[in-house]
Amino acid sequence: MPEEWSVRGIVVATFPLLVALTVVELWGGLVLDGSRAVLTRYPTLLTLVPGIIAVAGNLGSVLASRLSTAFHLGTLAFEPTDDALAGNAAATFALAVTLFPAVGAAAWLARYALGDVALAFATVVLIAAVSGLLLAVVAVAIATTATYAAFQLQLDPDDVVVPVVTTTCDVLGVVVFLGVVGAAV
């Protein structure tokens, strides 16, 4: 990792990555657009999409920030026995178990208030919970891998890991969500 930080150094390190991530994000939008039929058939699912994507990205970002901080403090070892890594992963799963069902319930209640419910409450909460747990696995894997890759490439994880994790969670959030929806409805 460079000892001296400069705006130019950060831009040189992150600009190509941000361009690539923009293309990945566009692909995620195209995948979402391709599922328009099922999302308009079940408006509750359409209401659920932004919440699922946002929470997945936020959980991934929090984990990435914590891993980056642990990396800078020298308390992170990329080993299965690392308590900091395991504790942060466990916290991510605990948050996913509590937040995603709440997001599902809120989406269902919002559509209920509008008088436009096509799916049962339990179905929507189950879709949100399963999607969330799968996305927690993705977030932990991507955050850990991206932090380790930044370490190996001698890049500052603060500059590269959060954009990688949030973009990946956005795109894979759509893919995982639509996979769970396809299995559930």
Protein backbone atom coordinates (compact mmCIF):
# COMPACT_ATOMS: atom_id res chain seq x y z
CA MET A 1 0.00 0.00 0.00
CA PRO A 2 1.40 3.42 -0.85
CA GLU A 3 2.76 5.40 2.06
CA GLU A 4 1.76 8.78 0.59
CA TRP A 5 -1.80 9.29 -0.45
CA SER A 6 -2.76 11.74 -3.14
CA VAL A 7 -5.88 12.54 -5.08
CA ARG A 8 -4.13 11.52 -8.27
CA GLY A 9 -3.10 8.17 -6.78
CA ILE A 10 -6.62 7.43 -5.60
CA VAL A 11 -8.11 8.36 -8.98
CA VAL A 12 -5.57 6.24 -10.86
CA ALA A 13 -6.32 3.27 -8.60
CA THR A 14 -10.10 3.58 -8.64
CA PHE A 15 -11.16 5.07 -11.99
CA PRO A 16 -10.76 1.89 -14.08
CA LEU A 17 -12.51 -0.07 -11.36
CA LEU A 18 -15.41 2.39 -11.25
CA VAL A 19 -15.81 2.23 -15.03
CA ALA A 20 -15.94 -1.57 -14.91
CA LEU A 21 -18.40 -1.49 -12.02
CA THR A 22 -20.64 0.90 -13.98
CA VAL A 23 -20.89 -1.69 -16.76
CA VAL A 24 -21.68 -4.40 -14.18
CA GLU A 25 -24.40 -2.18 -12.67
CA LEU A 26 -25.94 -1.62 -16.10
CA TRP A 27 -26.09 -5.37 -16.60
CA GLY A 28 -27.96 -5.65 -13.29
CA GLY A 29 -30.49 -3.11 -14.53
CA LEU A 30 -31.00 -5.10 -17.71
CA VAL A 31 -31.61 -8.26 -15.69
CA LEU A 32 -34.17 -6.40 -13.58
CA ASP A 33 -35.83 -4.99 -16.70
CA GLY A 34 -36.08 -8.50 -18.13
CA SER A 35 -38.19 -9.58 -15.16
CA ARG A 36 -40.72 -6.80 -15.58
CA ALA A 37 -43.59 -9.26 -16.23
CA VAL A 38 -43.38 -11.04 -12.88
CA LEU A 39 -42.74 -7.80 -10.97
CA THR A 40 -45.77 -6.04 -12.45
CA ARG A 41 -47.90 -9.13 -11.91
CA TYR A 42 -47.01 -9.05 -8.20
CA PRO A 43 -46.60 -5.37 -7.24
CA THR A 44 -45.50 -6.28 -3.72
CA LEU A 45 -42.36 -7.82 -5.22
CA LEU A 46 -41.73 -4.64 -7.19
CA THR A 47 -41.99 -2.69 -3.93
CA LEU A 48 -39.59 -5.16 -2.31
CA VAL A 49 -36.78 -4.79 -4.89
CA PRO A 50 -35.29 -1.45 -3.69
CA GLY A 51 -35.37 -2.54 -0.05
CA ILE A 52 -33.66 -5.87 -0.74
CA ILE A 53 -30.96 -4.24 -2.84
CA ALA A 54 -30.40 -1.39 -0.39
CA VAL A 55 -30.13 -3.57 2.69
CA ALA A 56 -27.82 -6.04 0.94
CA GLY A 57 -25.55 -3.21 -0.21
CA ASN A 58 -25.59 -1.60 3.21
CA LEU A 59 -24.73 -4.83 5.01
CA GLY A 60 -21.92 -5.44 2.55
CA SER A 61 -20.64 -1.88 2.94
CA VAL A 62 -20.64 -2.07 6.73
CA LEU A 63 -18.77 -5.36 6.63
CA ALA A 64 -16.29 -4.03 4.07
CA SER A 65 -15.65 -0.93 6.18
CA ARG A 66 -15.11 -3.01 9.30
CA LEU A 67 -12.71 -5.34 7.49
CA SER A 68 -10.86 -2.37 6.01
CA THR A 69 -10.49 -0.82 9.44
CA ALA A 70 -9.27 -4.11 10.91
CA PHE A 71 -6.81 -4.35 8.02
CA HIS A 72 -5.44 -0.86 8.75
CA LEU A 73 -5.17 -1.63 12.45
CA GLY A 74 -3.32 -4.85 11.70
CA THR A 75 -5.90 -6.98 13.51
CA LEU A 76 -7.19 -8.80 10.44
CA ALA A 77 -5.70 -12.13 9.44
CA PHE A 78 -7.15 -13.79 6.39
CA GLU A 79 -7.52 -17.16 8.07
CA PRO A 80 -10.59 -19.21 8.99
CA THR A 81 -9.62 -18.98 12.66
CA ASP A 82 -9.54 -15.16 12.67
CA ASP A 83 -11.95 -13.96 15.38
CA ALA A 84 -12.38 -10.49 13.82
CA LEU A 85 -13.36 -11.99 10.49
CA ALA A 86 -15.68 -14.57 12.03
CA GLY A 87 -17.28 -12.05 14.37
CA ASN A 88 -17.97 -9.57 11.60
CA ALA A 89 -19.40 -12.30 9.38
CA ALA A 90 -21.63 -13.50 12.22
CA ALA A 91 -22.84 -9.94 12.83
CA THR A 92 -23.69 -9.62 9.14
CA PHE A 93 -25.75 -12.81 9.28
CA ALA A 94 -27.49 -11.70 12.48
CA LEU A 95 -28.43 -8.39 10.88
CA ALA A 96 -29.66 -10.17 7.75
CA VAL A 97 -31.88 -12.51 9.80
CA THR A 98 -33.56 -9.53 11.46
CA LEU A 99 -33.60 -6.89 8.71
CA PHE A 100 -34.74 -8.75 5.62
CA PRO A 101 -37.98 -10.17 7.09
CA ALA A 102 -38.76 -6.65 8.34
CA VAL A 103 -38.20 -5.28 4.83
CA GLY A 104 -40.55 -7.94 3.46
CA ALA A 105 -43.20 -7.12 6.04
CA ALA A 106 -42.90 -3.40 5.32
CA ALA A 107 -43.25 -3.96 1.56
CA TRP A 108 -46.35 -6.09 2.09
CA LEU A 109 -47.87 -3.53 4.47
CA ALA A 110 -47.19 -0.70 2.01
CA ARG A 111 -48.98 -2.58 -0.78
CA TYR A 112 -51.79 -3.55 1.61
CA ALA A 113 -52.29 0.12 2.49
CA LEU A 114 -52.60 0.82 -1.24
CA GLY A 115 -55.10 -2.02 -1.61
CA ASP A 116 -52.87 -3.86 -4.06
CA VAL A 117 -51.82 -7.16 -2.47
CA ALA A 118 -51.45 -10.17 -4.76
CA LEU A 119 -49.27 -12.36 -2.53
CA ALA A 120 -49.75 -13.61 1.02
CA PHE A 121 -47.88 -11.87 3.83
CA ALA A 122 -45.95 -15.04 4.71
CA THR A 123 -44.86 -15.51 1.08
CA VAL A 124 -43.45 -12.00 0.84
CA VAL A 125 -41.65 -12.26 4.18
CA LEU A 126 -40.26 -15.67 3.21
CA ILE A 127 -39.01 -14.36 -0.15
CA ALA A 128 -37.33 -11.43 1.62
CA ALA A 129 -35.81 -13.63 4.34
CA VAL A 130 -34.41 -16.27 1.99
CA SER A 131 -33.09 -13.63 -0.41
CA GLY A 132 -31.51 -11.82 2.52
CA LEU A 133 -29.76 -14.86 3.92
CA LEU A 134 -28.36 -15.76 0.52
CA LEU A 135 -27.25 -12.16 0.01
CA ALA A 136 -25.55 -12.15 3.41
CA VAL A 137 -23.46 -15.11 2.23
CA VAL A 138 -22.65 -13.17 -0.96
CA ALA A 139 -21.79 -10.01 0.98
CA VAL A 140 -19.44 -11.85 3.35
CA ALA A 141 -17.73 -13.66 0.49
CA ILE A 142 -17.33 -10.56 -1.68
CA ALA A 143 -16.23 -8.27 1.16
CA THR A 144 -13.64 -10.76 2.38
CA THR A 145 -12.38 -11.52 -1.12
CA ALA A 146 -12.23 -7.85 -2.14
CA THR A 147 -10.38 -6.87 1.04
CA TYR A 148 -7.89 -9.69 0.55
CA ALA A 149 -7.44 -8.76 -3.13
CA ALA A 150 -6.79 -5.12 -2.18
CA PHE A 151 -4.23 -6.33 0.34
CA GLN A 152 -2.51 -8.52 -2.27
CA LEU A 153 -2.54 -5.75 -4.92
CA GLN A 154 -1.24 -3.23 -2.36
CA LEU A 155 -4.28 -1.00 -2.81
CA ASP A 156 -5.98 0.86 -0.02
CA PRO A 157 -9.11 -1.15 0.79
CA ASP A 158 -10.88 2.09 1.74
CA ASP A 159 -10.67 3.15 -1.91
CA VAL A 160 -11.71 -0.03 -3.68
CA VAL A 161 -13.56 -2.48 -1.46
CA VAL A 162 -16.80 -0.58 -0.74
CA PRO A 163 -17.51 0.21 -4.42
CA VAL A 164 -16.86 -3.42 -5.36
CA VAL A 165 -19.05 -4.76 -2.56
CA THR A 166 -21.98 -2.38 -3.09
CA THR A 167 -22.06 -2.87 -6.86
CA THR A 168 -21.74 -6.62 -6.58
CA CYS A 169 -24.44 -6.77 -3.91
CA ASP A 170 -26.72 -4.63 -6.11
CA VAL A 171 -26.33 -6.86 -9.13
CA LEU A 172 -26.29 -10.18 -7.32
CA GLY A 173 -29.11 -8.89 -5.12
CA VAL A 174 -31.30 -8.63 -8.21
CA VAL A 175 -30.21 -12.06 -9.47
CA VAL A 176 -30.67 -13.79 -6.10
CA PHE A 177 -34.00 -12.07 -5.46
CA LEU A 178 -35.36 -13.03 -8.86
CA GLY A 179 -34.14 -16.61 -8.35
CA VAL A 180 -35.96 -16.84 -5.03
CA VAL A 181 -39.07 -15.26 -6.58
CA GLY A 182 -38.96 -17.80 -9.42
CA ALA A 183 -38.81 -20.63 -6.90
CA ALA A 184 -41.55 -19.20 -4.68
CA VAL A 185 -44.23 -18.02 -7.14
